């Protein structure tokens, strides 16, 4: 069970989550199917019950849905601390949506203390899986110097890659590029070169970290 339910404002580092549940293409467990059916029937308490049953059994997608319901107060009382708990359980199993949302919560101090190192870590994990919005958020960390040294080349390159991967209205990376001050022709050229390398790599963190190391950038975050 996944949902791409995110409308992101990278300038203010805020995130509005929109619940839009959908079934996975792979065979789903009974509790996941029942949870989806209940949600689609607007029986939110039952949806939570079914998702929670699957979450307690260790299903990453059910854990993600439980977290989303806590974060938004969908069928349960809103509780961002509980959302962090369940997003982490799902994220640690590799759910890229959970990794992204966990990064956002850490970045904004929602349900937890602000922790840019944790935000960086989870954005990186989601970025490796091709999450364009996570790549854009990671770029904004470097542009603002949140938890890392300011590096406009790295930040801009990540935003350019984010736009290349997702040019939809939900991705504000293009707007954030336009709003970034101090972009010289030389900086833009260097960022475009790095963005091209990111786009060609199977793991975009490899050329990113190589650049950061060569430019005496911030200490590389663990994956």
Protein backbone atom coordinates (compact mmCIF):
# COMPACT_ATOMS: atom_id res chain seq x y z
CA UNK A 1 0.00 0.00 0.00
CA UNK A 2 1.52 3.25 -1.07
CA UNK A 3 0.33 6.74 -1.70
CA UNK A 4 2.08 9.59 -3.42
CA UNK A 5 0.23 12.13 -1.38
CA UNK A 6 2.68 14.93 -1.00
CA UNK A 7 2.50 18.58 -1.91
CA UNK A 8 5.80 20.16 -1.01
CA UNK A 9 6.89 23.74 -0.42
CA UNK A 10 10.66 23.54 -0.38
CA UNK A 11 11.15 27.23 0.34
CA UNK A 12 9.48 27.04 3.73
CA UNK A 13 10.37 23.36 4.18
CA UNK A 14 6.72 22.62 4.85
CA UNK A 15 4.69 19.68 3.68
CA UNK A 16 0.98 19.11 3.31
CA UNK A 17 0.08 15.46 3.15
CA UNK A 18 -2.95 14.36 1.17
CA UNK A 19 -4.32 10.88 1.81
CA UNK A 20 -4.75 9.06 -1.49
CA UNK A 21 -4.49 5.37 -0.79
CA UNK A 22 -4.07 2.86 -3.60
CA UNK A 23 -3.34 -0.85 -3.82
CA UNK A 24 0.12 -2.14 -4.58
CA UNK A 25 0.61 -3.95 -7.86
CA UNK A 26 1.97 -7.00 -6.03
CA UNK A 27 -0.29 -9.40 -4.13
CA UNK A 28 -1.36 -7.75 -0.89
CA UNK A 29 -2.06 -9.29 2.45
CA UNK A 30 -5.64 -9.65 3.61
CA UNK A 31 -5.37 -6.93 6.22
CA UNK A 32 -3.96 -4.52 3.64
CA UNK A 33 -6.77 -5.28 1.19
CA UNK A 34 -9.37 -4.97 3.91
CA UNK A 35 -7.88 -1.70 5.04
CA UNK A 36 -8.02 -0.29 1.52
CA UNK A 37 -11.60 -1.46 1.09
CA UNK A 38 -12.60 0.14 4.38
CA UNK A 39 -10.86 3.38 3.47
CA UNK A 40 -12.55 3.51 0.09
CA UNK A 41 -15.88 2.93 1.83
CA UNK A 42 -15.08 5.86 4.16
CA UNK A 43 -15.01 3.53 7.16
CA UNK A 44 -11.90 5.10 8.62
CA UNK A 45 -11.93 3.41 12.04
CA UNK A 46 -12.08 0.02 10.33
CA UNK A 47 -9.37 1.06 7.89
CA UNK A 48 -7.12 1.97 10.79
CA UNK A 49 -7.91 -1.33 12.53
CA UNK A 50 -6.97 -3.36 9.46
CA UNK A 51 -3.83 -1.37 8.70
CA UNK A 52 -2.76 -1.56 12.32
CA UNK A 53 -3.19 -5.33 12.29
CA UNK A 54 -0.86 -5.57 9.34
CA UNK A 55 1.52 -3.03 10.84
CA UNK A 56 1.80 -5.05 14.04
CA UNK A 57 2.74 -8.06 11.91
CA UNK A 58 5.58 -6.05 10.38
CA UNK A 59 4.07 -5.09 7.03
CA UNK A 60 5.94 -1.94 5.88
CA UNK A 61 3.08 -0.61 3.77
CA UNK A 62 0.56 -1.02 6.57
CA UNK A 63 3.02 0.70 8.90
CA UNK A 64 3.26 3.56 6.44
CA UNK A 65 -0.52 3.91 6.29
CA UNK A 66 -0.83 3.84 10.07
CA UNK A 67 1.77 6.62 10.27
CA UNK A 68 -0.05 8.68 7.66
CA UNK A 69 -3.34 8.29 9.52
CA UNK A 70 -1.72 9.43 12.78
CA UNK A 71 -0.01 12.34 11.09
CA UNK A 72 -3.19 13.60 9.49
CA UNK A 73 -5.70 12.47 12.10
CA UNK A 74 -7.47 10.21 9.60
CA UNK A 75 -9.73 7.83 11.53
CA UNK A 76 -7.67 8.36 14.69
CA UNK A 77 -6.67 11.29 16.86
CA UNK A 78 -3.82 13.22 15.27
CA UNK A 79 -0.55 12.24 16.91
CA UNK A 80 2.66 13.20 15.12
CA UNK A 81 4.83 11.44 17.71
CA UNK A 82 3.09 8.17 16.83
CA UNK A 83 3.49 9.04 13.16
CA UNK A 84 7.26 9.29 13.64
CA UNK A 85 7.30 5.88 15.34
CA UNK A 86 5.43 4.15 12.53
CA UNK A 87 7.14 6.01 9.68
CA UNK A 88 10.46 4.89 11.14
CA UNK A 89 9.35 1.25 11.31
CA UNK A 90 8.32 1.42 7.65
CA UNK A 91 11.33 3.47 6.57
CA UNK A 92 13.75 1.02 8.14
CA UNK A 93 12.23 -1.66 5.91
CA UNK A 94 12.93 0.45 2.82
CA UNK A 95 9.60 2.18 2.16
CA UNK A 96 10.69 5.30 0.25
CA UNK A 97 7.49 7.22 1.00
CA UNK A 98 8.00 6.63 4.71
CA UNK A 99 11.65 7.64 4.39
CA UNK A 100 10.65 10.88 2.71
CA UNK A 101 7.93 11.73 5.23
CA UNK A 102 10.19 10.87 8.15
CA UNK A 103 12.78 13.24 6.73
CA UNK A 104 10.18 16.00 6.49
CA UNK A 105 9.08 15.50 10.09
CA UNK A 106 12.68 15.66 11.32
CA UNK A 107 13.41 18.71 9.19
CA UNK A 108 10.41 20.57 10.57
CA UNK A 109 10.44 19.25 14.14
CA UNK A 110 7.00 17.71 13.91
CA UNK A 111 6.45 14.90 16.41
CA UNK A 112 10.15 15.13 17.23
CA UNK A 113 12.92 17.64 17.74
CA UNK A 114 14.34 19.32 14.65
CA UNK A 115 17.19 17.10 13.48
CA UNK A 116 18.72 18.01 10.14
CA UNK A 117 21.14 15.08 10.30
CA UNK A 118 18.20 12.66 10.49
CA UNK A 119 16.38 14.57 7.73
CA UNK A 120 19.49 14.34 5.55
CA UNK A 121 19.83 10.63 6.22
CA UNK A 122 16.26 9.77 5.30
CA UNK A 123 16.17 12.04 2.26
CA UNK A 124 19.31 10.29 1.04
CA UNK A 125 17.75 6.87 1.47
CA UNK A 126 14.63 7.92 -0.44
CA UNK A 127 16.72 9.67 -3.09
CA UNK A 128 18.59 6.47 -3.89
CA UNK A 129 15.22 4.88 -4.63
CA UNK A 130 14.40 7.58 -7.16
CA UNK A 131 12.18 9.82 -5.07
CA UNK A 132 12.37 13.15 -6.90
CA UNK A 133 10.86 15.15 -4.05
CA UNK A 134 13.37 13.75 -1.59
CA UNK A 135 16.15 14.72 -3.99
CA UNK A 136 14.75 18.25 -4.10
CA UNK A 137 14.51 18.46 -0.31
CA UNK A 138 18.07 17.20 -0.01
CA UNK A 139 19.11 19.96 -2.39
CA UNK A 140 17.43 22.58 -0.24
CA UNK A 141 19.39 21.41 2.79
CA UNK A 142 22.58 22.24 0.93
CA UNK A 143 21.29 25.55 -0.38
CA UNK A 144 20.26 26.66 3.11
CA UNK A 145 23.08 24.97 5.00
CA UNK A 146 20.70 23.08 7.27
CA UNK A 147 22.85 20.55 9.11
CA UNK A 148 25.46 20.68 6.35
CA UNK A 149 27.84 23.28 4.94
CA UNK A 150 26.22 25.53 2.35
CA UNK A 151 27.03 24.23 -1.12
CA UNK A 152 25.05 25.91 -3.87
CA UNK A 153 26.50 23.73 -6.60
CA UNK A 154 25.36 20.54 -4.87
CA UNK A 155 22.03 22.08 -3.88
CA UNK A 156 21.28 23.38 -7.35
CA UNK A 157 22.39 20.13 -9.00
CA UNK A 158 19.98 18.16 -6.82
CA UNK A 159 17.14 20.54 -7.63
CA UNK A 160 17.89 20.27 -11.35
CA UNK A 161 17.85 16.49 -11.07
CA UNK A 162 14.58 16.66 -9.14
CA UNK A 163 12.97 18.71 -11.93
CA UNK A 164 14.26 16.30 -14.56
CA UNK A 165 12.69 13.37 -12.75
CA UNK A 166 9.41 15.05 -11.81
CA UNK A 167 8.21 18.21 -13.53
CA UNK A 168 4.70 18.00 -12.05
CA UNK A 169 3.03 20.90 -10.22
CA UNK A 170 3.50 19.01 -6.94
CA UNK A 171 7.26 19.48 -7.24
CA UNK A 172 8.33 23.04 -6.46
CA UNK A 173 11.97 22.44 -7.35
CA UNK A 174 11.76 24.60 -10.47
CA UNK A 175 10.29 27.50 -8.48
CA UNK A 176 12.95 27.12 -5.84
CA UNK A 177 15.67 27.29 -8.46
CA UNK A 178 14.19 30.53 -9.76
CA UNK A 179 14.08 31.97 -6.24
CA UNK A 180 17.67 31.08 -5.37
CA UNK A 181 19.89 34.16 -5.23
CA UNK A 182 23.52 34.40 -6.24
CA UNK A 183 23.45 31.95 -9.14
CA UNK A 184 26.31 32.98 -11.40
CA UNK A 185 26.83 31.50 -14.88
CA UNK A 186 29.85 29.61 -13.53
CA UNK A 187 27.88 28.17 -10.63
CA UNK A 188 25.00 27.16 -12.90
CA UNK A 189 27.40 25.45 -15.31
CA UNK A 190 29.06 23.52 -12.48
CA UNK A 191 25.69 22.51 -11.07
CA UNK A 192 24.44 21.35 -14.47
CA UNK A 193 27.57 19.26 -14.92
CA UNK A 194 27.03 17.61 -11.54
CA UNK A 195 23.32 17.14 -12.25
CA UNK A 196 24.21 15.32 -15.49
CA UNK A 197 26.46 13.01 -13.48
CA UNK A 198 23.71 12.39 -10.94
CA UNK A 199 21.29 11.50 -13.73
CA UNK A 200 23.63 8.98 -15.30
CA UNK A 201 24.53 7.20 -12.06
CA UNK A 202 22.68 4.14 -10.80
CA UNK A 203 23.22 5.54 -7.31
CA UNK A 204 23.22 9.34 -7.44
CA UNK A 205 24.81 9.50 -3.98
CA UNK A 206 28.10 8.25 -5.41
CA UNK A 207 28.81 11.24 -7.69
CA UNK A 208 27.25 13.57 -5.12
CA UNK A 209 29.54 12.36 -2.35
CA UNK A 210 32.55 12.39 -4.67
CA UNK A 211 31.83 16.02 -5.47
CA UNK A 212 31.32 16.95 -1.82
CA UNK A 213 34.57 15.27 -0.87
CA UNK A 214 36.55 16.93 -3.65
CA UNK A 215 35.11 20.34 -2.80
CA UNK A 216 35.86 19.89 0.91
CA UNK A 217 32.15 19.70 1.48
CA UNK A 218 30.29 18.38 4.51
CA UNK A 219 31.03 15.05 6.03
CA UNK A 220 29.24 12.33 4.09
CA UNK A 221 26.11 11.07 5.80
CA UNK A 222 25.64 7.38 6.37
CA UNK A 223 22.95 5.60 4.42
